[in-house]
Each structure stands twice: as structure tokens, then as C-alpha cells.
Amino acid sequence: MELSKLDFTQLVALRADVEAEIKRRESEEKSKAKKQIIELARAYGLSVEEVLGKTGGVRKPVEAKYRHPANPELTWTGRGRKPVWVQEWISSGKALEALAI
């Protein structure tokens, strides 16, 4: 196929066809690889989780680092978004360290 002989619309259509075929084949190849990995693991008496190092253990919850001064039930680990009460505390000009447990 000589690309220089194709007009613009034909090239665009060809590109779309090529991209669709690549996606289809990628999906097929991943499926084949997944089956091969599972078969190989089974041949050696392993589960996929064992091969990947997944122990299935439960994560230990992160301990709270900050506590609301008036309501000790309100705590924050210091991870993720700041709770509203922490944002209000900081907005009022007080230091976050004052809430540290």
C-alpha cells in the first residue's frame, strides 16, 4: 500500500481502522497472556495472588494524629482532605499542631 497515493480522507479513515485493530489485538493479547499466567501458576500449585505477592491480609487502620479540642470523638489521621472542623480551626488563625494528640 502506497500511502502517498491516498487522499486525506482515506488516510484519516485508514488511521481509524488501524487504531481500532490495535485495540482489538491488544485486548486479545492481554487475554492470552492472562490465561498463560494462570495456567503456569496452576502448574506449579500457586494461586495468582501468591504469585503477585498479595497476602490478603487486612490493613491496620491508621492512628489519628489530631483530635478536636471540644469533641474528642472527632479525630483526623492527617491523611486526605482536612475535615471541616480542622479547616475552621486553621482559618481562625490557630495552629494545626495545637490539635496534635
Protein backbone atom coordinates (compact mmCIF):
# COMPACT_ATOMS: atom_id res chain seq x y z
CA MET A 1 0.00 0.00 0.00
CA GLU A 2 1.44 3.34 -1.01
CA LEU A 3 0.33 5.98 1.44
CA SER A 4 1.34 8.83 -0.83
CA LYS A 5 -1.39 7.82 -3.29
CA LEU A 6 -4.17 8.08 -0.68
CA ASP A 7 -6.05 11.33 -0.24
CA PHE A 8 -6.52 12.96 3.16
CA THR A 9 -9.92 11.41 3.98
CA GLN A 10 -8.65 7.96 3.05
CA LEU A 11 -5.65 8.43 5.33
CA VAL A 12 -7.87 9.52 8.22
CA ALA A 13 -10.14 6.50 7.68
CA LEU A 14 -7.11 4.23 7.49
CA ARG A 15 -5.77 5.66 10.76
CA ALA A 16 -9.11 4.99 12.48
CA ASP A 17 -9.13 1.43 11.17
CA VAL A 18 -5.55 0.85 12.32
CA GLU A 19 -6.27 2.23 15.81
CA ALA A 20 -9.37 0.04 16.14
CA GLU A 21 -7.40 -3.04 15.05
CA ILE A 22 -4.61 -2.25 17.50
CA LYS A 23 -7.10 -2.00 20.37
CA ARG A 24 -8.74 -5.29 19.37
CA ARG A 25 -5.42 -7.11 19.14
CA GLU A 26 -4.17 -5.60 22.39
CA SER A 27 -7.25 -6.95 24.13
CA GLU A 28 -6.69 -10.40 22.61
CA GLU A 29 -3.01 -10.45 23.57
CA LYS A 30 -3.75 -9.42 27.15
CA SER A 31 -6.38 -12.14 27.41
CA LYS A 32 -3.93 -14.75 26.10
CA ALA A 33 -1.20 -13.59 28.47
CA LYS A 34 -3.58 -13.70 31.43
CA LYS A 35 -4.58 -17.29 30.59
CA GLN A 36 -0.93 -18.32 30.22
CA ILE A 37 -0.02 -16.80 33.58
CA ILE A 38 -2.91 -18.54 35.31
CA GLU A 39 -2.03 -21.89 33.70
CA LEU A 40 1.64 -21.55 34.64
CA ALA A 41 0.77 -20.67 38.23
CA ARG A 42 -1.59 -23.64 38.49
CA ALA A 43 1.07 -25.97 37.04
CA TYR A 44 3.30 -25.04 39.99
CA GLY A 45 0.49 -25.22 42.52
CA LEU A 46 0.31 -21.47 43.06
CA SER A 47 -2.59 -19.08 43.08
CA VAL A 48 -2.32 -15.83 41.17
CA GLU A 49 -2.47 -14.00 44.50
CA GLU A 50 0.59 -15.91 45.72
CA VAL A 51 2.47 -15.08 42.53
CA LEU A 52 1.62 -11.38 42.83
CA GLY A 53 2.52 -11.34 46.50
CA LYS A 54 -0.95 -10.49 47.68
CA THR A 55 -1.35 -11.92 51.14
CA GLY A 56 -4.96 -10.92 51.53
CA GLY A 57 -4.18 -9.54 54.95
CA VAL A 58 -6.19 -6.76 56.48
CA ARG A 59 -4.53 -3.38 56.70
CA LYS A 60 -4.12 -1.90 60.11
CA PRO A 61 -6.10 1.33 60.43
CA VAL A 62 -4.00 4.49 60.61
CA GLU A 63 -3.91 6.06 64.04
CA ALA A 64 -5.35 9.52 64.49
CA LYS A 65 -2.84 12.36 64.82
CA TYR A 66 -5.27 15.19 65.57
CA ARG A 67 -8.27 15.49 67.91
CA HIS A 68 -10.97 18.13 68.18
CA PRO A 69 -10.47 20.05 71.45
CA ALA A 70 -14.16 20.18 72.39
CA ASN A 71 -15.31 16.84 70.96
CA PRO A 72 -12.74 14.05 71.45
CA GLU A 73 -14.74 11.75 69.16
CA LEU A 74 -13.70 13.89 66.18
CA THR A 75 -10.25 12.83 65.03
CA TRP A 76 -8.17 13.03 61.87
CA THR A 77 -5.21 10.93 60.75
CA GLY A 78 -3.59 13.78 58.87
CA ARG A 79 -4.16 11.98 55.58
CA GLY A 80 -6.54 13.00 52.84
CA ARG A 81 -8.71 16.09 52.90
CA LYS A 82 -8.86 18.10 56.06
CA PRO A 83 -12.17 17.70 57.90
CA VAL A 84 -14.31 20.82 58.18
CA TRP A 85 -13.50 21.24 61.87
CA VAL A 86 -9.75 21.24 61.08
CA GLN A 87 -10.23 23.76 58.27
CA GLU A 88 -12.25 26.01 60.58
CA TRP A 89 -9.57 25.71 63.29
CA ILE A 90 -6.81 26.75 60.87
CA SER A 91 -8.97 29.51 59.32
CA SER A 92 -9.44 31.04 62.76
CA GLY A 93 -5.67 31.55 62.92
CA LYS A 94 -4.85 28.66 65.23
CA ALA A 95 -2.01 26.23 64.58
CA LEU A 96 -2.67 22.67 63.45
CA GLU A 97 -0.06 21.46 65.95
CA ALA A 98 -2.37 22.55 68.77
CA LEU A 99 -4.72 19.71 67.77
CA ALA A 100 -1.99 17.05 67.84
CA ILE A 101 -2.65 14.06 70.05
